[in-house]
Every structure is written in structure tokens, then in C-alpha cells.
């Protein structure tokens, strides 16, 4: 489904961050990206989403070349992105934020489907509430709900556990797992929280200095302190 080959990308004021990244995510697969801060994980998601233009290499999705295309085209191709920090509209209500996830989506009604509120019941209770008054965990659920409302085929998640209490992290893991299982949605997860990685993914890739340097079955990580120490310890 998603194939990245030789991807090189970075920032004008910070130089290269990604140095020839290669990876694949199959249809229905959930994959984690782990590594220390500053190793290129967020940069990779931003490059896939078209928020950064690659210097070299390419991104294909279902056989279509997405390299260098604008974010709205990549979104309409079936990829959704939940950035670190959520980027919800705090002055909008919960329902208004969710409706934004439907803008420009061909063949989708403008109203929020009941199925979304079924998956995120706290949002149903808060639908008329301003998003900025929600707790951090509720805001994270809103950001994920806004991303999946258009039923993407690939969901990019950047540090969804950050600033979220453990019980809500567990709920997020259960909900995203159900979406992946029931709708065949692939997931590419950037995360430092091992419990979330174990609950949500089947394969883990480690990034070091802008390259994928190791991989493991996610289930093995709980018993493999060597990989975690090598690529996550400060």
C-alpha cells in the first residue's frame, strides 16, 4: 500500500533530516516508528503528507506516485494525518471540528455520521462544546476522530499518547485497533510509549539519524531490552 524509497528530506534552516528512508506498510498493517527525539520520525510523516517536499526519493500509495503532491491531494488519495499537538480548532465546537474532516471529500455527506460518535462516545456528549475546553485526552480523541471520519485507508499518528492519561491512551489504542481491524485501515504510528506500540502495532521500525536501522515484531519488544536501549535511551 505505502511504499517509500530512498526518501531524502529536511528543512531550509536545519538541513537534511531524512537520509534515504526505505519502508513499506501493507494494506491493513499497523507499523510503529520509534527512535530518539530528532531522528526524523515526524519529518517522515510530514514528507509523506506533502507538508515537506522531498529532495530525493519517492512516496507511492496504492501504486500512485504522491511525491511532491500537495497535502489536499494526498488526503483525497486516502491518507489522514494526526500531527503532534493535535492542531484542533479550539474556538470551534467538537461537531464543527469533525465536520472539517469531511470538507472536500467526494461522495460524503456534510453531517457527522453516527458511527463516529459511536466510536468516540465522549465526543457525542461534548458535541456542542468548544474544543479548547476539552481535556488533553478528549482533544486527542477529537483529532483522531476528525482524521478517520473520511474513512482513510492509511492513518498517520504522531505521538498520540503525549500529555494523555494512561486510561485514555488505552481507549485510543482500542478504538484505533478496532478501526484498523473492521475497516482495513493501515496505521503508521510514531510513538515512544511502549504500551501503545504493543497494543496497536504488529511491527516496529527504529529510526536513527534519518535512516531505518532496525526492525522487530512489536510483540518481541517487551522482552528485547537491547533494541529499546540502543535506539531509545538518551
C-alpha atoms as a PDB file:
ATOM      1  CA  UNK A   1       0.000   0.000   0.000  1.00  0.00           C
ATOM      2  CA  UNK A   2       2.505   2.659   1.186  1.00  0.00           C
ATOM      3  CA  UNK A   3       5.999   2.412  -0.234  1.00  0.00           C
ATOM      4  CA  UNK A   4       8.808   4.856   0.495  1.00  0.00           C
ATOM      5  CA  UNK A   5      12.046   4.542  -1.416  1.00  0.00           C
ATOM      6  CA  UNK A   6      15.249   6.487  -0.891  1.00  0.00           C
ATOM      7  CA  UNK A   7      13.422   9.415   0.688  1.00  0.00           C
ATOM      8  CA  UNK A   8      15.607  12.411   1.490  1.00  0.00           C
ATOM      9  CA  UNK A   9      14.008  15.464   3.135  1.00  0.00           C
ATOM     10  CA  UNK A  10      14.681  18.249   5.589  1.00  0.00           C
ATOM     11  CA  UNK A  11      14.243  21.935   6.324  1.00  0.00           C
ATOM     12  CA  UNK A  12      15.791  25.029   4.790  1.00  0.00           C
ATOM     13  CA  UNK A  13      17.054  26.281   8.141  1.00  0.00           C
ATOM     14  CA  UNK A  14      18.029  22.894   9.550  1.00  0.00           C
ATOM     15  CA  UNK A  15      19.471  20.874   6.697  1.00  0.00           C
ATOM     16  CA  UNK A  16      18.708  17.282   5.879  1.00  0.00           C
ATOM     17  CA  UNK A  17      16.867  15.151   8.385  1.00  0.00           C
ATOM     18  CA  UNK A  18      15.927  12.051   6.363  1.00  0.00           C
ATOM     19  CA  UNK A  19      18.783  10.229   4.664  1.00  0.00           C
ATOM     20  CA  UNK A  20      17.433   7.694   2.184  1.00  0.00           C
ATOM     21  CA  UNK A  21      14.483   6.232   4.086  1.00  0.00           C
ATOM     22  CA  UNK A  22      13.046   2.959   2.799  1.00  0.00           C
ATOM     23  CA  UNK A  23       9.924   1.358   4.260  1.00  0.00           C
ATOM     24  CA  UNK A  24       6.619  -0.259   3.387  1.00  0.00           C
ATOM     25  CA  UNK A  25       3.245  -0.523   5.103  1.00  0.00           C
ATOM     26  CA  UNK A  26       0.909  -3.191   3.752  1.00  0.00           C
ATOM     27  CA  UNK A  27      -2.867  -2.922   3.488  1.00  0.00           C
ATOM     28  CA  UNK A  28      -4.398  -3.343   6.941  1.00  0.00           C
ATOM     29  CA  UNK A  29      -0.990  -3.383   8.667  1.00  0.00           C
ATOM     30  CA  UNK A  30      -0.135  -1.303  11.734  1.00  0.00           C
ATOM     31  CA  UNK A  31       3.523  -0.259  11.979  1.00  0.00           C
ATOM     32  CA  UNK A  32       5.336   1.737  14.662  1.00  0.00           C
ATOM     33  CA  UNK A  33       8.247   4.127  14.153  1.00  0.00           C
ATOM     34  CA  UNK A  34      10.430   4.502  17.214  1.00  0.00           C
ATOM     35  CA  UNK A  35      13.640   6.363  17.924  1.00  0.00           C
ATOM     36  CA  UNK A  36      15.098   9.203  19.939  1.00  0.00           C
ATOM     37  CA  UNK A  37      13.893  12.755  19.507  1.00  0.00           C
ATOM     38  CA  UNK A  38      15.308  14.487  16.434  1.00  0.00           C
ATOM     39  CA  UNK A  39      15.925  11.326  14.422  1.00  0.00           C
ATOM     40  CA  UNK A  40      13.387  12.114  11.694  1.00  0.00           C
ATOM     41  CA  UNK A  41      10.136  10.428  12.698  1.00  0.00           C
ATOM     42  CA  UNK A  42       7.894  13.494  12.498  1.00  0.00           C
ATOM     43  CA  UNK A  43       9.749  14.718   9.420  1.00  0.00           C
ATOM     44  CA  UNK A  44       8.932  11.430   7.708  1.00  0.00           C
ATOM     45  CA  UNK A  45       5.201  11.755   8.401  1.00  0.00           C
ATOM     46  CA  UNK A  46       5.230  15.356   7.206  1.00  0.00           C
ATOM     47  CA  UNK A  47       7.006  14.351   3.993  1.00  0.00           C
ATOM     48  CA  UNK A  48       4.502  11.550   3.344  1.00  0.00           C
ATOM     49  CA  UNK A  49       1.647  14.017   3.895  1.00  0.00           C
ATOM     50  CA  UNK A  50       3.113  16.547   1.451  1.00  0.00           C
ATOM     51  CA  UNK A  51       3.913  19.148   4.100  1.00  0.00           C
ATOM     52  CA  UNK A  52       7.595  18.855   3.158  1.00  0.00           C
ATOM     53  CA  UNK A  53       8.851  18.459  -0.384  1.00  0.00           C
ATOM     54  CA  UNK A  54      11.420  15.635  -0.634  1.00  0.00           C
ATOM     55  CA  UNK A  55      14.876  16.388  -2.002  1.00  0.00           C
ATOM     56  CA  UNK A  56      15.133  12.891  -3.467  1.00  0.00           C
ATOM     57  CA  UNK A  57      13.352   9.554  -3.441  1.00  0.00           C
ATOM     58  CA  UNK A  58       9.660   8.889  -3.703  1.00  0.00           C
ATOM     59  CA  UNK A  59       6.386   8.006  -1.982  1.00  0.00           C
ATOM     60  CA  UNK A  60       3.816   5.780  -3.639  1.00  0.00           C
ATOM     61  CA  UNK A  61       0.403   4.804  -2.301  1.00  0.00           C
ATOM     62  CA  UNK A  62      -1.604   2.021  -3.914  1.00  0.00           C
ATOM     63  CA  UNK A  63       0.717   2.320  -6.884  1.00  0.00           C
ATOM     64  CA  UNK A  64       0.165   6.069  -7.353  1.00  0.00           C
ATOM     65  CA  UNK A  65       3.129   8.430  -7.055  1.00  0.00           C
ATOM     66  CA  UNK A  66       2.422  11.014  -4.351  1.00  0.00           C
ATOM     67  CA  UNK A  67       5.881  12.588  -4.314  1.00  0.00           C
ATOM     68  CA  UNK A  68       5.663  16.370  -4.250  1.00  0.00           C
ATOM     69  CA  UNK A  69       1.864  16.487  -4.448  1.00  0.00           C
ATOM     70  CA  UNK A  70       0.033  18.977  -2.194  1.00  0.00           C
ATOM     71  CA  UNK A  71      -1.479  17.804   1.092  1.00  0.00           C
ATOM     72  CA  UNK A  72      -5.109  18.079  -0.043  1.00  0.00           C
ATOM     73  CA  UNK A  73      -4.437  15.685  -2.945  1.00  0.00           C
ATOM     74  CA  UNK A  74      -2.693  13.244  -0.613  1.00  0.00           C
ATOM     75  CA  UNK A  75      -5.619  13.478   1.804  1.00  0.00           C
ATOM     76  CA  UNK A  76      -8.080  12.815  -1.009  1.00  0.00           C
ATOM     77  CA  UNK A  77      -5.971   9.816  -2.056  1.00  0.00           C
ATOM     78  CA  UNK A  78      -6.894   8.209   1.285  1.00  0.00           C
ATOM     79  CA  UNK A  79      -4.220   9.247   3.792  1.00  0.00           C
ATOM     80  CA  UNK A  80      -5.123  11.021   7.050  1.00  0.00           C
ATOM     81  CA  UNK A  81      -2.693  12.670   9.459  1.00  0.00           C
ATOM     82  CA  UNK A  82      -2.960  13.423  13.177  1.00  0.00           C
ATOM     83  CA  UNK A  83       0.003  15.693  13.968  1.00  0.00           C
ATOM     84  CA  UNK A  84       1.824  16.014  17.238  1.00  0.00           C
ATOM     85  CA  UNK A  85      -0.006  18.731  19.150  1.00  0.00           C
ATOM     86  CA  UNK A  86      -3.363  17.755  17.550  1.00  0.00           C
ATOM     87  CA  UNK A  87      -3.987  21.112  15.792  1.00  0.00           C
ATOM     88  CA  UNK A  88      -7.684  21.171  16.504  1.00  0.00           C
ATOM     89  CA  UNK A  89      -9.611  24.450  16.149  1.00  0.00           C
ATOM     90  CA  UNK A  90     -10.091  25.434  19.773  1.00  0.00           C
ATOM     91  CA  UNK A  91     -12.752  28.094  19.156  1.00  0.00           C
ATOM     92  CA  UNK A  92     -14.878  25.672  17.112  1.00  0.00           C
ATOM     93  CA  UNK A  93     -17.221  23.166  18.685  1.00  0.00           C
ATOM     94  CA  UNK A  94     -16.487  19.449  18.662  1.00  0.00           C
ATOM     95  CA  UNK A  95     -19.037  18.939  15.882  1.00  0.00           C
ATOM     96  CA  UNK A  96     -17.615  21.801  13.805  1.00  0.00           C
ATOM     97  CA  UNK A  97     -14.129  20.303  14.106  1.00  0.00           C
ATOM     98  CA  UNK A  98     -15.425  16.937  12.976  1.00  0.00           C
ATOM     99  CA  UNK A  99     -17.249  18.445  10.001  1.00  0.00           C
ATOM    100  CA  UNK A 100     -13.952  19.949   8.844  1.00  0.00           C
ATOM    101  CA  UNK A 101     -12.728  16.395   8.313  1.00  0.00           C
ATOM    102  CA  UNK A 102     -15.413  15.987   5.646  1.00  0.00           C
ATOM    103  CA  UNK A 103     -14.577  19.092   3.615  1.00  0.00           C
ATOM    104  CA  UNK A 104     -13.688  18.317   0.020  1.00  0.00           C
ATOM    105  CA  UNK A 105     -14.415  14.598   0.380  1.00  0.00           C
ATOM    106  CA  UNK A 106     -16.310  13.470  -2.695  1.00  0.00           C
ATOM    107  CA  UNK A 107     -19.459  11.466  -2.023  1.00  0.00           C
ATOM    108  CA  UNK A 108     -19.554  12.130   1.720  1.00  0.00           C
ATOM    109  CA  UNK A 109     -22.398  13.914   3.476  1.00  0.00           C
ATOM    110  CA  UNK A 110     -21.694  17.119   5.383  1.00  0.00           C
ATOM    111  CA  UNK A 111     -23.138  15.742   8.632  1.00  0.00           C
ATOM    112  CA  UNK A 112     -21.107  13.809  11.169  1.00  0.00           C
ATOM    113  CA  UNK A 113     -22.028  10.118  10.879  1.00  0.00           C
ATOM    114  CA  UNK A 114     -23.427   8.409  13.956  1.00  0.00           C
ATOM    115  CA  UNK A 115     -20.690   5.767  13.648  1.00  0.00           C
ATOM    116  CA  UNK A 116     -18.049   8.318  14.643  1.00  0.00           C
ATOM    117  CA  UNK A 117     -19.903   9.221  17.805  1.00  0.00           C
ATOM    118  CA  UNK A 118     -20.330   5.508  18.436  1.00  0.00           C
ATOM    119  CA  UNK A 119     -16.579   5.020  18.367  1.00  0.00           C
ATOM    120  CA  UNK A 120     -15.886   8.149  20.418  1.00  0.00           C
ATOM    121  CA  UNK A 121     -18.829   8.426  22.851  1.00  0.00           C
ATOM    122  CA  UNK A 122     -17.242  11.228  24.875  1.00  0.00           C
ATOM    123  CA  UNK A 123     -17.375  13.391  21.745  1.00  0.00           C
ATOM    124  CA  UNK A 124     -21.091  12.714  21.409  1.00  0.00           C
ATOM    125  CA  UNK A 125     -21.566  14.101  24.906  1.00  0.00           C
ATOM    126  CA  UNK A 126     -19.418  17.138  24.093  1.00  0.00           C
ATOM    127  CA  UNK A 127     -20.545  17.791  20.513  1.00  0.00           C
ATOM    128  CA  UNK A 128     -21.721  21.371  21.215  1.00  0.00           C
ATOM    129  CA  UNK A 129     -18.752  22.201  23.465  1.00  0.00           C
ATOM    130  CA  UNK A 130     -15.841  24.377  22.320  1.00  0.00           C
ATOM    131  CA  UNK A 131     -12.892  22.136  21.579  1.00  0.00           C
ATOM    132  CA  UNK A 132     -10.483  24.301  23.553  1.00  0.00           C
ATOM    133  CA  UNK A 133     -12.333  23.485  26.777  1.00  0.00           C
ATOM    134  CA  UNK A 134     -11.810  19.715  26.397  1.00  0.00           C
ATOM    135  CA  UNK A 135      -9.178  17.820  28.370  1.00  0.00           C
ATOM    136  CA  UNK A 136      -5.961  16.804  26.613  1.00  0.00           C
ATOM    137  CA  UNK A 137      -7.195  13.244  26.165  1.00  0.00           C
ATOM    138  CA  UNK A 138     -10.528  14.415  24.784  1.00  0.00           C
ATOM    139  CA  UNK A 139      -8.754  16.744  22.355  1.00  0.00           C
ATOM    140  CA  UNK A 140      -6.612  13.834  21.168  1.00  0.00           C
ATOM    141  CA  UNK A 141      -9.713  11.725  20.569  1.00  0.00           C
ATOM    142  CA  UNK A 142     -11.227  14.629  18.647  1.00  0.00           C
ATOM    143  CA  UNK A 143      -8.135  14.927  16.448  1.00  0.00           C
ATOM    144  CA  UNK A 144      -8.214  11.203  15.677  1.00  0.00           C
ATOM    145  CA  UNK A 145     -11.970  11.231  15.045  1.00  0.00           C
ATOM    146  CA  UNK A 146     -11.573  14.165  12.649  1.00  0.00           C
ATOM    147  CA  UNK A 147      -8.909  12.197  10.779  1.00  0.00           C
ATOM    148  CA  UNK A 148     -10.852   8.948  10.474  1.00  0.00           C
ATOM    149  CA  UNK A 149     -14.254  10.490   9.729  1.00  0.00           C
ATOM    150  CA  UNK A 150     -13.499  10.330   5.986  1.00  0.00           C
ATOM    151  CA  UNK A 151     -12.587   6.611   6.290  1.00  0.00           C
ATOM    152  CA  UNK A 152      -8.964   6.874   5.117  1.00  0.00           C
ATOM    153  CA  UNK A 153      -7.032   3.797   4.030  1.00  0.00           C
ATOM    154  CA  UNK A 154      -3.894   4.925   5.881  1.00  0.00           C
ATOM    155  CA  UNK A 155      -3.764   6.772   9.200  1.00  0.00           C
ATOM    156  CA  UNK A 156      -0.587   8.606  10.258  1.00  0.00           C
ATOM    157  CA  UNK A 157      -0.400   9.184  14.027  1.00  0.00           C
ATOM    158  CA  UNK A 158       2.319  11.315  15.624  1.00  0.00           C
ATOM    159  CA  UNK A 159       2.784  10.757  19.387  1.00  0.00           C
ATOM    160  CA  UNK A 160      -0.918  10.321  20.238  1.00  0.00           C
ATOM    161  CA  UNK A 161      -0.109   9.419  23.869  1.00  0.00           C
ATOM    162  CA  UNK A 162       1.695  12.706  24.577  1.00  0.00           C
ATOM    163  CA  UNK A 163       0.073  14.503  27.516  1.00  0.00           C
ATOM    164  CA  UNK A 164      -2.725  11.928  27.747  1.00  0.00           C
ATOM    165  CA  UNK A 165      -3.560   9.943  30.876  1.00  0.00           C
ATOM    166  CA  UNK A 166      -2.999   6.155  30.682  1.00  0.00           C
ATOM    167  CA  UNK A 167      -6.690   5.197  30.736  1.00  0.00           C
ATOM    168  CA  UNK A 168      -7.372   7.411  27.705  1.00  0.00           C
ATOM    169  CA  UNK A 169      -4.295   6.012  25.923  1.00  0.00           C
ATOM    170  CA  UNK A 170      -5.781   2.542  26.406  1.00  0.00           C
ATOM    171  CA  UNK A 171      -9.112   3.723  24.992  1.00  0.00           C
ATOM    172  CA  UNK A 172      -7.377   5.289  21.985  1.00  0.00           C
ATOM    173  CA  UNK A 173      -5.471   2.059  21.336  1.00  0.00           C
ATOM    174  CA  UNK A 174      -8.680   0.016  21.484  1.00  0.00           C
ATOM    175  CA  UNK A 175     -10.561   2.388  19.185  1.00  0.00           C
ATOM    176  CA  UNK A 176      -7.829   2.693  16.557  1.00  0.00           C
ATOM    177  CA  UNK A 177      -7.277  -1.083  16.648  1.00  0.00           C
ATOM    178  CA  UNK A 178     -10.992  -1.624  16.038  1.00  0.00           C
ATOM    179  CA  UNK A 179     -10.980   0.823  13.120  1.00  0.00           C
ATOM    180  CA  UNK A 180      -7.953  -0.896  11.597  1.00  0.00           C
ATOM    181  CA  UNK A 181      -9.453  -4.354  12.042  1.00  0.00           C
ATOM    182  CA  UNK A 182     -13.009  -3.585  10.945  1.00  0.00           C
ATOM    183  CA  UNK A 183     -12.313  -1.128   8.131  1.00  0.00           C
ATOM    184  CA  UNK A 184      -8.932  -2.426   6.937  1.00  0.00           C
ATOM    185  CA  UNK A 185      -7.226   0.880   7.737  1.00  0.00           C
ATOM    186  CA  UNK A 186      -3.426   0.781   7.799  1.00  0.00           C
ATOM    187  CA  UNK A 187      -1.665   2.684  10.582  1.00  0.00           C
ATOM    188  CA  UNK A 188       1.792   4.275  10.712  1.00  0.00           C
ATOM    189  CA  UNK A 189       2.411   5.282  14.332  1.00  0.00           C
ATOM    190  CA  UNK A 190       5.202   7.479  15.699  1.00  0.00           C
ATOM    191  CA  UNK A 191       5.331   6.771  19.414  1.00  0.00           C
ATOM    192  CA  UNK A 192       7.616   6.477  22.460  1.00  0.00           C
ATOM    193  CA  UNK A 193       5.001   4.790  24.657  1.00  0.00           C
ATOM    194  CA  UNK A 194       5.821   1.086  24.524  1.00  0.00           C
ATOM    195  CA  UNK A 195       2.429   0.014  25.876  1.00  0.00           C
ATOM    196  CA  UNK A 196       0.669   1.785  22.998  1.00  0.00           C
ATOM    197  CA  UNK A 197       3.071   0.313  20.449  1.00  0.00           C
ATOM    198  CA  UNK A 198       2.434  -3.191  21.821  1.00  0.00           C
ATOM    199  CA  UNK A 199      -1.347  -2.683  21.845  1.00  0.00           C
ATOM    200  CA  UNK A 200      -1.671  -1.145  18.414  1.00  0.00           C
ATOM    201  CA  UNK A 201       1.050  -2.428  16.078  1.00  0.00           C
ATOM    202  CA  UNK A 202       2.472  -5.699  14.796  1.00  0.00           C
ATOM    203  CA  UNK A 203       5.823  -4.418  13.503  1.00  0.00           C
ATOM    204  CA  UNK A 204       8.227  -1.764  14.722  1.00  0.00           C
ATOM    205  CA  UNK A 205      10.895   0.136  12.786  1.00  0.00           C
ATOM    206  CA  UNK A 206      13.681   2.057  14.500  1.00  0.00           C
ATOM    207  CA  UNK A 207      14.982   5.311  13.019  1.00  0.00           C
ATOM    208  CA  UNK A 208      18.464   6.613  13.753  1.00  0.00           C
ATOM    209  CA  UNK A 209      19.920   9.706  12.086  1.00  0.00           C
ATOM    210  CA  UNK A 210      17.312   9.758   9.357  1.00  0.00           C
ATOM    211  CA  UNK A 211      17.564   6.087   8.385  1.00  0.00           C
ATOM    212  CA  UNK A 212      15.661   2.920   9.242  1.00  0.00           C
ATOM    213  CA  UNK A 213      18.338   0.927  11.052  1.00  0.00           C
ATOM    214  CA  UNK A 214      16.450  -1.986  12.639  1.00  0.00           C
ATOM    215  CA  UNK A 215      13.066  -3.639  12.863  1.00  0.00           C
ATOM    216  CA  UNK A 216      11.298  -6.119  15.093  1.00  0.00           C
ATOM    217  CA  UNK A 217       7.936  -7.743  15.635  1.00  0.00           C
ATOM    218  CA  UNK A 218       6.224  -5.438  18.119  1.00  0.00           C
ATOM    219  CA  UNK A 219       5.326  -8.339  20.403  1.00  0.00           C
ATOM    220  CA  UNK A 220       9.026  -9.087  20.924  1.00  0.00           C
ATOM    221  CA  UNK A 221       9.873  -5.625  22.212  1.00  0.00           C
ATOM    222  CA  UNK A 222       8.627  -6.294  25.730  1.00  0.00           C
ATOM    223  CA  UNK A 223      11.295  -8.982  26.073  1.00  0.00           C
ATOM    224  CA  UNK A 224      14.027  -7.308  23.997  1.00  0.00           C
ATOM    225  CA  UNK A 225      15.523  -4.553  26.116  1.00  0.00           C
ATOM    226  CA  UNK A 226      18.557  -4.401  23.834  1.00  0.00           C
ATOM    227  CA  UNK A 227      16.782  -2.777  20.902  1.00  0.00           C
ATOM    228  CA  UNK A 228      14.975  -0.308  23.129  1.00  0.00           C
ATOM    229  CA  UNK A 229      18.151   0.632  24.970  1.00  0.00           C
ATOM    230  CA  UNK A 230      20.114   1.006  21.735  1.00  0.00           C
ATOM    231  CA  UNK A 231      17.662   3.264  19.929  1.00  0.00           C
ATOM    232  CA  UNK A 232      15.616   4.970  22.661  1.00  0.00           C
ATOM    233  CA  UNK A 233      17.951   5.521  25.608  1.00  0.00           C
ATOM    234  CA  UNK A 234      19.406   9.010  25.927  1.00  0.00           C
END
